[in-house]
Every structure is written in structure tokens, then in C-alpha cells.
PDB file of all heavy atoms in Angstrom:
ATOM      1  N   GLU A   1      81.301 184.372 152.628  1.00  0.00           N
ATOM      2  CA  GLU A   1      81.033 185.599 151.879  1.00  0.00           C
ATOM      3  C   GLU A   1      81.692 185.599 150.505  1.00  0.00           C
ATOM      4  O   GLU A   1      81.238 186.288 149.595  1.00  0.00           O
ATOM      5  CB  GLU A   1      81.497 186.825 152.674  1.00  0.00           C
ATOM      6  CG  GLU A   1      80.553 187.212 153.792  1.00  0.00           C
ATOM      7  CD  GLU A   1      81.014 188.437 154.545  1.00  0.00           C
ATOM      8  OE1 GLU A   1      82.233 188.661 154.644  1.00  0.00           O
ATOM      9  OE2 GLU A   1      80.152 189.180 155.049  1.00  0.00           O
ATOM     10  N   ILE A   2      82.765 184.843 150.345  1.00  0.00           N
ATOM     11  CA  ILE A   2      83.424 184.799 149.037  1.00  0.00           C
ATOM     12  C   ILE A   2      83.084 183.525 148.273  1.00  0.00           C
ATOM     13  O   ILE A   2      83.581 183.308 147.174  1.00  0.00           O
ATOM     14  CB  ILE A   2      84.958 184.929 149.176  1.00  0.00           C
ATOM     15  CG1 ILE A   2      85.533 183.791 150.026  1.00  0.00           C
ATOM     16  CG2 ILE A   2      85.339 186.278 149.756  1.00  0.00           C
ATOM     17  CD1 ILE A   2      87.050 183.795 150.107  1.00  0.00           C
ATOM     18  N   ALA A   3      82.225 182.688 148.840  1.00  0.00           N
ATOM     19  CA  ALA A   3      81.844 181.429 148.187  1.00  0.00           C
ATOM     20  C   ALA A   3      80.892 181.693 147.031  1.00  0.00           C
ATOM     21  O   ALA A   3      79.987 182.523 147.130  1.00  0.00           O
ATOM     22  CB  ALA A   3      81.199 180.491 149.191  1.00  0.00           C
ATOM     23  N   ASP A   4      81.092 180.973 145.932  1.00  0.00           N
ATOM     24  CA  ASP A   4      80.143 180.995 144.822  1.00  0.00           C
ATOM     25  C   ASP A   4      79.173 179.825 144.930  1.00  0.00           C
ATOM     26  O   ASP A   4      78.142 179.806 144.259  1.00  0.00           O
ATOM     27  CB  ASP A   4      80.884 180.943 143.489  1.00  0.00           C
ATOM     28  CG  ASP A   4      81.670 182.215 143.222  1.00  0.00           C
ATOM     29  OD1 ASP A   4      81.071 183.302 143.282  1.00  0.00           O
ATOM     30  OD2 ASP A   4      82.897 182.139 142.990  1.00  0.00           O
ATOM     31  N   MET A   5      79.511 178.855 145.756  1.00  0.00           N
ATOM     32  CA  MET A   5      78.608 177.737 146.041  1.00  0.00           C
ATOM     33  C   MET A   5      79.088 177.019 147.293  1.00  0.00           C
ATOM     34  O   MET A   5      80.298 176.925 147.529  1.00  0.00           O
ATOM     35  CB  MET A   5      78.545 176.753 144.864  1.00  0.00           C
ATOM     36  CG  MET A   5      77.618 175.555 145.110  1.00  0.00           C
ATOM     37  SD  MET A   5      77.232 174.615 143.612  1.00  0.00           S
ATOM     38  CE  MET A   5      78.834 173.893 143.227  1.00  0.00           C
ATOM     39  N   ILE A   6      78.149 176.517 148.085  1.00  0.00           N
ATOM     40  CA  ILE A   6      78.458 175.656 149.221  1.00  0.00           C
ATOM     41  C   ILE A   6      77.938 174.265 148.888  1.00  0.00           C
ATOM     42  O   ILE A   6      76.786 174.100 148.458  1.00  0.00           O
ATOM     43  CB  ILE A   6      77.818 176.165 150.523  1.00  0.00           C
ATOM     44  CG1 ILE A   6      78.469 177.482 150.956  1.00  0.00           C
ATOM     45  CG2 ILE A   6      77.946 175.128 151.634  1.00  0.00           C
ATOM     46  CD1 ILE A   6      77.866 178.092 152.203  1.00  0.00           C
ATOM     47  N   ALA A   7      78.781 173.262 149.039  1.00  0.00           N
ATOM     48  CA  ALA A   7      78.386 171.879 148.744  1.00  0.00           C
ATOM     49  C   ALA A   7      78.623 171.024 149.986  1.00  0.00           C
ATOM     50  O   ALA A   7      79.740 170.998 150.529  1.00  0.00           O
ATOM     51  CB  ALA A   7      79.178 171.336 147.565  1.00  0.00           C
ATOM     52  N   VAL A   8      77.584 170.346 150.436  1.00  0.00           N
ATOM     53  CA  VAL A   8      77.674 169.486 151.619  1.00  0.00           C
ATOM     54  C   VAL A   8      77.993 168.069 151.147  1.00  0.00           C
ATOM     55  O   VAL A   8      77.188 167.432 150.454  1.00  0.00           O
ATOM     56  CB  VAL A   8      76.367 169.513 152.424  1.00  0.00           C
ATOM     57  CG1 VAL A   8      76.501 168.627 153.667  1.00  0.00           C
ATOM     58  CG2 VAL A   8      76.005 170.936 152.827  1.00  0.00           C
ATOM     59  N   ASN A   9      79.157 167.583 151.520  1.00  0.00           N
ATOM     60  CA  ASN A   9      79.624 166.265 151.102  1.00  0.00           C
ATOM     61  C   ASN A   9      79.042 165.163 152.001  1.00  0.00           C
ATOM     62  O   ASN A   9      78.437 165.424 153.031  1.00  0.00           O
ATOM     63  CB  ASN A   9      81.158 166.232 151.135  1.00  0.00           C
ATOM     64  CG  ASN A   9      81.724 164.989 150.486  1.00  0.00           C
ATOM     65  OD1 ASN A   9      81.029 164.257 149.786  1.00  0.00           O
ATOM     66  ND2 ASN A   9      83.002 164.724 150.717  1.00  0.00           N
ATOM     67  N   LYS A  10      79.276 163.932 151.565  1.00  0.00           N
ATOM     68  CA  LYS A  10      78.893 162.726 152.311  1.00  0.00           C
ATOM     69  C   LYS A  10      77.388 162.580 152.470  1.00  0.00           C
ATOM     70  O   LYS A  10      76.899 162.094 153.499  1.00  0.00           O
ATOM     71  CB  LYS A  10      79.612 162.689 153.671  1.00  0.00           C
ATOM     72  CG  LYS A  10      81.136 162.775 153.513  1.00  0.00           C
ATOM     73  CD  LYS A  10      81.893 162.508 154.779  1.00  0.00           C
ATOM     74  CE  LYS A  10      83.406 162.581 154.526  1.00  0.00           C
ATOM     75  NZ  LYS A  10      84.214 162.332 155.710  1.00  0.00           N
ATOM     76  N   ALA A  11      76.656 163.025 151.421  1.00  0.00           N
ATOM     77  CA  ALA A  11      75.207 162.850 151.409  1.00  0.00           C
ATOM     78  C   ALA A  11      74.890 161.466 150.848  1.00  0.00           C
ATOM     79  O   ALA A  11      74.407 161.306 149.729  1.00  0.00           O
ATOM     80  CB  ALA A  11      74.541 163.937 150.581  1.00  0.00           C
ATOM     81  N   ASP A  12      75.204 160.453 151.640  1.00  0.00           N
ATOM     82  CA  ASP A  12      74.959 159.079 151.215  1.00  0.00           C
ATOM     83  C   ASP A  12      74.593 158.234 152.433  1.00  0.00           C
ATOM     84  O   ASP A  12      74.922 158.576 153.569  1.00  0.00           O
ATOM     85  CB  ASP A  12      76.188 158.499 150.507  1.00  0.00           C
ATOM     86  CG  ASP A  12      77.469 158.743 151.277  1.00  0.00           C
ATOM     87  OD1 ASP A  12      77.549 158.329 152.459  1.00  0.00           O
ATOM     88  OD2 ASP A  12      78.401 159.362 150.722  1.00  0.00           O
ATOM     89  N   GLY A  13      73.906 157.116 152.184  1.00  0.00           N
ATOM     90  CA  GLY A  13      73.542 156.221 153.287  1.00  0.00           C
ATOM     91  C   GLY A  13      72.729 156.916 154.357  1.00  0.00           C
ATOM     92  O   GLY A  13      71.804 157.681 154.082  1.00  0.00           O
ATOM     93  N   ASP A  14      73.125 156.681 155.608  1.00  0.00           N
ATOM     94  CA  ASP A  14      72.409 157.272 156.743  1.00  0.00           C
ATOM     95  C   ASP A  14      72.643 158.771 156.873  1.00  0.00           C
ATOM     96  O   ASP A  14      71.988 159.439 157.679  1.00  0.00           O
ATOM     97  CB  ASP A  14      72.854 156.588 158.041  1.00  0.00           C
ATOM     98  CG  ASP A  14      72.452 155.117 158.080  1.00  0.00           C
ATOM     99  OD1 ASP A  14      71.502 154.759 157.358  1.00  0.00           O
ATOM    100  OD2 ASP A  14      73.095 154.345 158.820  1.00  0.00           O
ATOM    101  N   ASN A  15      73.608 159.306 156.114  1.00  0.00           N
ATOM    102  CA  ASN A  15      73.954 160.728 156.221  1.00  0.00           C
ATOM    103  C   ASN A  15      73.064 161.631 155.376  1.00  0.00           C
ATOM    104  O   ASN A  15      73.164 162.857 155.487  1.00  0.00           O
ATOM    105  CB  ASN A  15      75.412 160.960 155.779  1.00  0.00           C
ATOM    106  CG  ASN A  15      76.376 160.894 156.946  1.00  0.00           C
ATOM    107  OD1 ASN A  15      75.988 161.111 158.091  1.00  0.00           O
ATOM    108  ND2 ASN A  15      77.619 160.587 156.662  1.00  0.00           N
ATOM    109  N   ILE A  16      72.222 161.064 154.514  1.00  0.00           N
ATOM    110  CA  ILE A  16      71.466 161.888 153.564  1.00  0.00           C
ATOM    111  C   ILE A  16      70.586 162.915 154.280  1.00  0.00           C
ATOM    112  O   ILE A  16      70.592 164.107 153.939  1.00  0.00           O
ATOM    113  CB  ILE A  16      70.610 161.001 152.635  1.00  0.00           C
ATOM    114  CG1 ILE A  16      71.515 160.191 151.711  1.00  0.00           C
ATOM    115  CG2 ILE A  16      69.642 161.852 151.826  1.00  0.00           C
ATOM    116  CD1 ILE A  16      70.770 159.266 150.764  1.00  0.00           C
ATOM    117  N   LYS A  17      69.866 162.482 155.305  1.00  0.00           N
ATOM    118  CA  LYS A  17      68.987 163.414 156.013  1.00  0.00           C
ATOM    119  C   LYS A  17      69.780 164.506 156.711  1.00  0.00           C
ATOM    120  O   LYS A  17      69.402 165.686 156.688  1.00  0.00           O
ATOM    121  CB  LYS A  17      68.133 162.653 157.038  1.00  0.00           C
ATOM    122  CG  LYS A  17      67.034 161.805 156.407  1.00  0.00           C
ATOM    123  CD  LYS A  17      66.149 161.184 157.473  1.00  0.00           C
ATOM    124  CE  LYS A  17      65.020 160.368 156.842  1.00  0.00           C
ATOM    125  NZ  LYS A  17      64.145 159.749 157.864  1.00  0.00           N
ATOM    126  N   ARG A  18      70.897 164.125 157.316  1.00  0.00           N
ATOM    127  CA  ARG A  18      71.721 165.126 157.998  1.00  0.00           C
ATOM    128  C   ARG A  18      72.323 166.111 157.004  1.00  0.00           C
ATOM    129  O   ARG A  18      72.444 167.301 157.289  1.00  0.00           O
ATOM    130  CB  ARG A  18      72.813 164.433 158.811  1.00  0.00           C
ATOM    131  CG  ARG A  18      72.318 163.853 160.122  1.00  0.00           C
ATOM    132  CD  ARG A  18      73.443 163.259 160.941  1.00  0.00           C
ATOM    133  NE  ARG A  18      73.959 162.039 160.327  1.00  0.00           N
ATOM    134  CZ  ARG A  18      74.957 161.317 160.844  1.00  0.00           C
ATOM    135  NH1 ARG A  18      75.541 161.711 161.968  1.00  0.00           N
ATOM    136  NH2 ARG A  18      75.361 160.212 160.260  1.00  0.00           N
ATOM    137  N   ALA A  19      72.723 165.610 155.835  1.00  0.00           N
ATOM    138  CA  ALA A  19      73.289 166.483 154.818  1.00  0.00           C
ATOM    139  C   ALA A  19      72.245 167.493 154.341  1.00  0.00           C
ATOM    140  O   ALA A  19      72.553 168.689 154.175  1.00  0.00           O
ATOM    141  CB  ALA A  19      73.806 165.657 153.642  1.00  0.00           C
ATOM    142  N   ARG A  20      71.035 167.033 154.129  1.00  0.00           N
ATOM    143  CA  ARG A  20      69.981 167.940 153.684  1.00  0.00           C
ATOM    144  C   ARG A  20      69.646 168.973 154.748  1.00  0.00           C
ATOM    145  O   ARG A  20      69.378 170.140 154.445  1.00  0.00           O
ATOM    146  CB  ARG A  20      68.740 167.134 153.308  1.00  0.00           C
ATOM    147  CG  ARG A  20      68.905 166.328 152.015  1.00  0.00           C
ATOM    148  CD  ARG A  20      67.704 165.442 151.749  1.00  0.00           C
ATOM    149  NE  ARG A  20      67.873 164.685 150.507  1.00  0.00           N
ATOM    150  CZ  ARG A  20      67.082 163.699 150.129  1.00  0.00           C
ATOM    151  NH1 ARG A  20      66.048 163.335 150.912  1.00  0.00           N
ATOM    152  NH2 ARG A  20      67.296 163.061 148.990  1.00  0.00           N
ATOM    153  N   ALA A  21      69.666 168.543 156.003  1.00  0.00           N
ATOM    154  CA  ALA A  21      69.388 169.478 157.103  1.00  0.00           C
ATOM    155  C   ALA A  21      70.489 170.530 157.196  1.00  0.00           C
ATOM    156  O   ALA A  21      70.214 171.726 157.391  1.00  0.00           O
ATOM    157  CB  ALA A  21      69.272 168.709 158.421  1.00  0.00           C
ATOM    158  N   ALA A  22      71.740 170.083 157.051  1.00  0.00           N
ATOM    159  CA  ALA A  22      72.865 171.019 157.089  1.00  0.00           C
ATOM    160  C   ALA A  22      72.772 172.012 155.939  1.00  0.00           C
ATOM    161  O   ALA A  22      73.000 173.214 156.110  1.00  0.00           O
ATOM    162  CB  ALA A  22      74.186 170.257 157.020  1.00  0.00           C
ATOM    163  N   ALA A  23      72.402 171.501 154.754  1.00  0.00           N
ATOM    164  CA  ALA A  23      72.271 172.383 153.592  1.00  0.00           C
ATOM    165  C   ALA A  23      71.211 173.445 153.834  1.00  0.00           C
ATOM    166  O   ALA A  23      71.372 174.612 153.460  1.00  0.00           O
ATOM    167  CB  ALA A  23      71.930 171.561 152.350  1.00  0.00           C
ATOM    168  N   GLY A  24      70.120 173.057 154.486  1.00  0.00           N
ATOM    169  CA  GLY A  24      69.066 174.013 154.786  1.00  0.00           C
ATOM    170  C   GLY A  24      69.560 175.121 155.706  1.00  0.00           C
ATOM    171  O   GLY A  24      69.212 176.295 155.533  1.00  0.00           O
ATOM    172  N   GLU A  25      70.380 174.758 156.697  1.00  0.00           N
ATOM    173  CA  GLU A  25      70.904 175.761 157.626  1.00  0.00           C
ATOM    174  C   GLU A  25      71.892 176.688 156.932  1.00  0.00           C
ATOM    175  O   GLU A  25      71.897 177.896 157.175  1.00  0.00           O
ATOM    176  CB  GLU A  25      71.552 175.068 158.821  1.00  0.00           C
ATOM    177  CG  GLU A  25      70.555 174.306 159.681  1.00  0.00           C
ATOM    178  CD  GLU A  25      71.132 173.976 161.056  1.00  0.00           C
ATOM    179  OE1 GLU A  25      71.789 174.846 161.654  1.00  0.00           O
ATOM    180  OE2 GLU A  25      70.923 172.847 161.517  1.00  0.00           O
ATOM    181  N   TYR A  26      72.741 176.132 156.087  1.00  0.00           N
ATOM    182  CA  TYR A  26      73.677 176.973 155.346  1.00  0.00           C
ATOM    183  C   TYR A  26      72.923 177.912 154.402  1.00  0.00           C
ATOM    184  O   TYR A  26      73.286 179.081 154.230  1.00  0.00           O
ATOM    185  CB  TYR A  26      74.646 176.112 154.541  1.00  0.00           C
ATOM    186  CG  TYR A  26      75.624 175.342 155.391  1.00  0.00           C
ATOM    187  CD1 TYR A  26      75.870 173.984 155.156  1.00  0.00           C
ATOM    188  CD2 TYR A  26      76.328 175.950 156.431  1.00  0.00           C
ATOM    189  CE1 TYR A  26      76.765 173.270 155.928  1.00  0.00           C
ATOM    190  CE2 TYR A  26      77.226 175.249 157.207  1.00  0.00           C
ATOM    191  CZ  TYR A  26      77.446 173.901 156.957  1.00  0.00           C
ATOM    192  OH  TYR A  26      78.330 173.200 157.724  1.00  0.00           O
ATOM    193  N   ARG A  27      71.856 177.406 153.791  1.00  0.00           N
ATOM    194  CA  ARG A  27      71.067 178.217 152.866  1.00  0.00           C
ATOM    195  C   ARG A  27      70.444 179.402 153.608  1.00  0.00           C
ATOM    196  O   ARG A  27      70.437 180.535 153.101  1.00  0.00           O
ATOM    197  CB  ARG A  27      69.990 177.329 152.245  1.00  0.00           C
ATOM    198  CG  ARG A  27      69.515 177.771 150.877  1.00  0.00           C
ATOM    199  CD  ARG A  27      68.608 176.737 150.248  1.00  0.00           C
ATOM    200  NE  ARG A  27      69.365 175.598 149.730  1.00  0.00           N
ATOM    201  CZ  ARG A  27      69.216 174.351 150.135  1.00  0.00           C
ATOM    202  NH1 ARG A  27      68.340 174.053 151.094  1.00  0.00           N
ATOM    203  NH2 ARG A  27      69.932 173.376 149.603  1.00  0.00           N
ATOM    204  N   ALA A  28      69.937 179.136 154.786  1.00  0.00           N
ATOM    205  CA  ALA A  28      69.338 180.212 155.582  1.00  0.00           C
ATOM    206  C   ALA A  28      70.394 181.233 155.996  1.00  0.00           C
ATOM    207  O   ALA A  28      70.135 182.445 156.007  1.00  0.00           O
ATOM    208  CB  ALA A  28      68.661 179.615 156.816  1.00  0.00           C
ATOM    209  N   ALA A  29      71.596 180.746 156.329  1.00  0.00           N
ATOM    210  CA  ALA A  29      72.672 181.653 156.742  1.00  0.00           C
ATOM    211  C   ALA A  29      73.098 182.562 155.596  1.00  0.00           C
ATOM    212  O   ALA A  29      73.405 183.746 155.807  1.00  0.00           O
ATOM    213  CB  ALA A  29      73.867 180.845 157.242  1.00  0.00           C
ATOM    214  N   LEU A  30      73.123 182.035 154.380  1.00  0.00           N
ATOM    215  CA  LEU A  30      73.540 182.838 153.230  1.00  0.00           C
ATOM    216  C   LEU A  30      72.602 184.014 152.976  1.00  0.00           C
ATOM    217  O   LEU A  30      73.030 185.051 152.453  1.00  0.00           O
ATOM    218  CB  LEU A  30      73.618 181.959 151.980  1.00  0.00           C
ATOM    219  CG  LEU A  30      74.843 181.049 151.873  1.00  0.00           C
ATOM    220  CD1 LEU A  30      74.718 180.140 150.648  1.00  0.00           C
ATOM    221  CD2 LEU A  30      76.127 181.864 151.784  1.00  0.00           C
ATOM    222  N   HIS A  31      71.350 183.865 153.335  1.00  0.00           N
ATOM    223  CA  HIS A  31      70.380 184.929 153.080  1.00  0.00           C
ATOM    224  C   HIS A  31      70.627 186.165 153.939  1.00  0.00           C
ATOM    225  O   HIS A  31      70.129 187.246 153.609  1.00  0.00           O
ATOM    226  CB  HIS A  31      68.952 184.410 153.303  1.00  0.00           C
ATOM    227  CG  HIS A  31      68.442 183.590 152.160  1.00  0.00           C
ATOM    228  ND1 HIS A  31      68.174 184.115 150.917  1.00  0.00           N
ATOM    229  CD2 HIS A  31      68.158 182.268 152.064  1.00  0.00           C
ATOM    230  CE1 HIS A  31      67.741 183.164 150.099  1.00  0.00           C
ATOM    231  NE2 HIS A  31      67.725 182.031 150.772  1.00  0.00           N
ATOM    232  N   ILE A  32      71.368 186.012 155.029  1.00  0.00           N
ATOM    233  CA  ILE A  32      71.636 187.181 155.873  1.00  0.00           C
ATOM    234  C   ILE A  32      73.022 187.757 155.604  1.00  0.00           C
ATOM    235  O   ILE A  32      73.435 188.708 156.256  1.00  0.00           O
ATOM    236  CB  ILE A  32      71.502 186.817 157.369  1.00  0.00           C
ATOM    237  CG1 ILE A  32      72.548 185.770 157.778  1.00  0.00           C
ATOM    238  CG2 ILE A  32      70.098 186.335 157.685  1.00  0.00           C
ATOM    239  CD1 ILE A  32      72.567 185.465 159.268  1.00  0.00           C
ATOM    240  N   LEU A  33      73.747 187.192 154.633  1.00  0.00           N
ATOM    241  CA  LEU A  33      75.060 187.702 154.257  1.00  0.00           C
ATOM    242  C   LEU A  33      75.000 188.331 152.875  1.00  0.00           C
ATOM    243  O   LEU A  33      74.166 187.986 152.050  1.00  0.00           O
ATOM    244  CB  LEU A  33      76.094 186.565 154.256  1.00  0.00           C
ATOM    245  CG  LEU A  33      76.334 185.850 155.588  1.00  0.00           C
ATOM    246  CD1 LEU A  33      77.300 184.677 155.378  1.00  0.00           C
ATOM    247  CD2 LEU A  33      76.898 186.814 156.619  1.00  0.00           C
ATOM    248  N   THR A  34      75.900 189.271 152.637  1.00  0.00           N
ATOM    249  CA  THR A  34      75.970 189.911 151.327  1.00  0.00           C
ATOM    250  C   THR A  34      76.725 189.006 150.369  1.00  0.00           C
ATOM    251  O   THR A  34      77.877 188.649 150.627  1.00  0.00           O
ATOM    252  CB  THR A  34      76.697 191.265 151.415  1.00  0.00           C
ATOM    253  OG1 THR A  34      76.033 192.092 152.362  1.00  0.00           O
ATOM    254  CG2 THR A  34      76.720 191.951 150.057  1.00  0.00           C
ATOM    255  N   PRO A  35      76.115 188.589 149.255  1.00  0.00           N
ATOM    256  CA  PRO A  35      76.804 187.693 148.333  1.00  0.00           C
ATOM    257  C   PRO A  35      77.987 188.369 147.654  1.00  0.00           C
ATOM    258  O   PRO A  35      78.049 189.599 147.568  1.00  0.00           O
ATOM    259  CB  PRO A  35      75.716 187.331 147.309  1.00  0.00           C
ATOM    260  CG  PRO A  35      74.731 188.452 147.383  1.00  0.00           C
ATOM    261  CD  PRO A  35      74.756 188.930 148.795  1.00  0.00           C
ATOM    262  N   ARG A  36      78.902 187.554 147.161  1.00  0.00           N
ATOM    263  CA  ARG A  36      80.095 188.062 146.494  1.00  0.00           C
ATOM    264  C   ARG A  36      79.726 188.843 145.234  1.00  0.00           C
ATOM    265  O   ARG A  36      80.374 189.826 144.898  1.00  0.00           O
ATOM    266  CB  ARG A  36      80.997 186.875 146.141  1.00  0.00           C
ATOM    267  CG  ARG A  36      82.296 187.228 145.461  1.00  0.00           C
ATOM    268  CD  ARG A  36      83.056 185.968 145.110  1.00  0.00           C
ATOM    269  NE  ARG A  36      84.342 186.233 144.511  1.00  0.00           N
ATOM    270  CZ  ARG A  36      85.134 185.315 143.992  1.00  0.00           C
ATOM    271  NH1 ARG A  36      84.762 184.045 144.018  1.00  0.00           N
ATOM    272  NH2 ARG A  36      86.295 185.628 143.450  1.00  0.00           N
TER     273      ARG A  36
END
């Protein structure tokens, strides 16, 4: 709720797809919270 940005680290190699998937879930979660 106090974040100005969420950044998913380790988006490299075999982790790229997982990082993008995680980012999508965090993005969806932010839409149901009141931004700072």
C-alpha cells in the first residue's frame, strides 16, 4: 500500500517466464488496493 513501484528481480535465464507471471499477479493485486 505504501509502494510507489514493485519490481520483480531475477528476471533472467529460465526465470523470465516466472518473473513475468509473478509481475502479472502483483499487478492484479494492486488494482484491489488503494494506492499511496
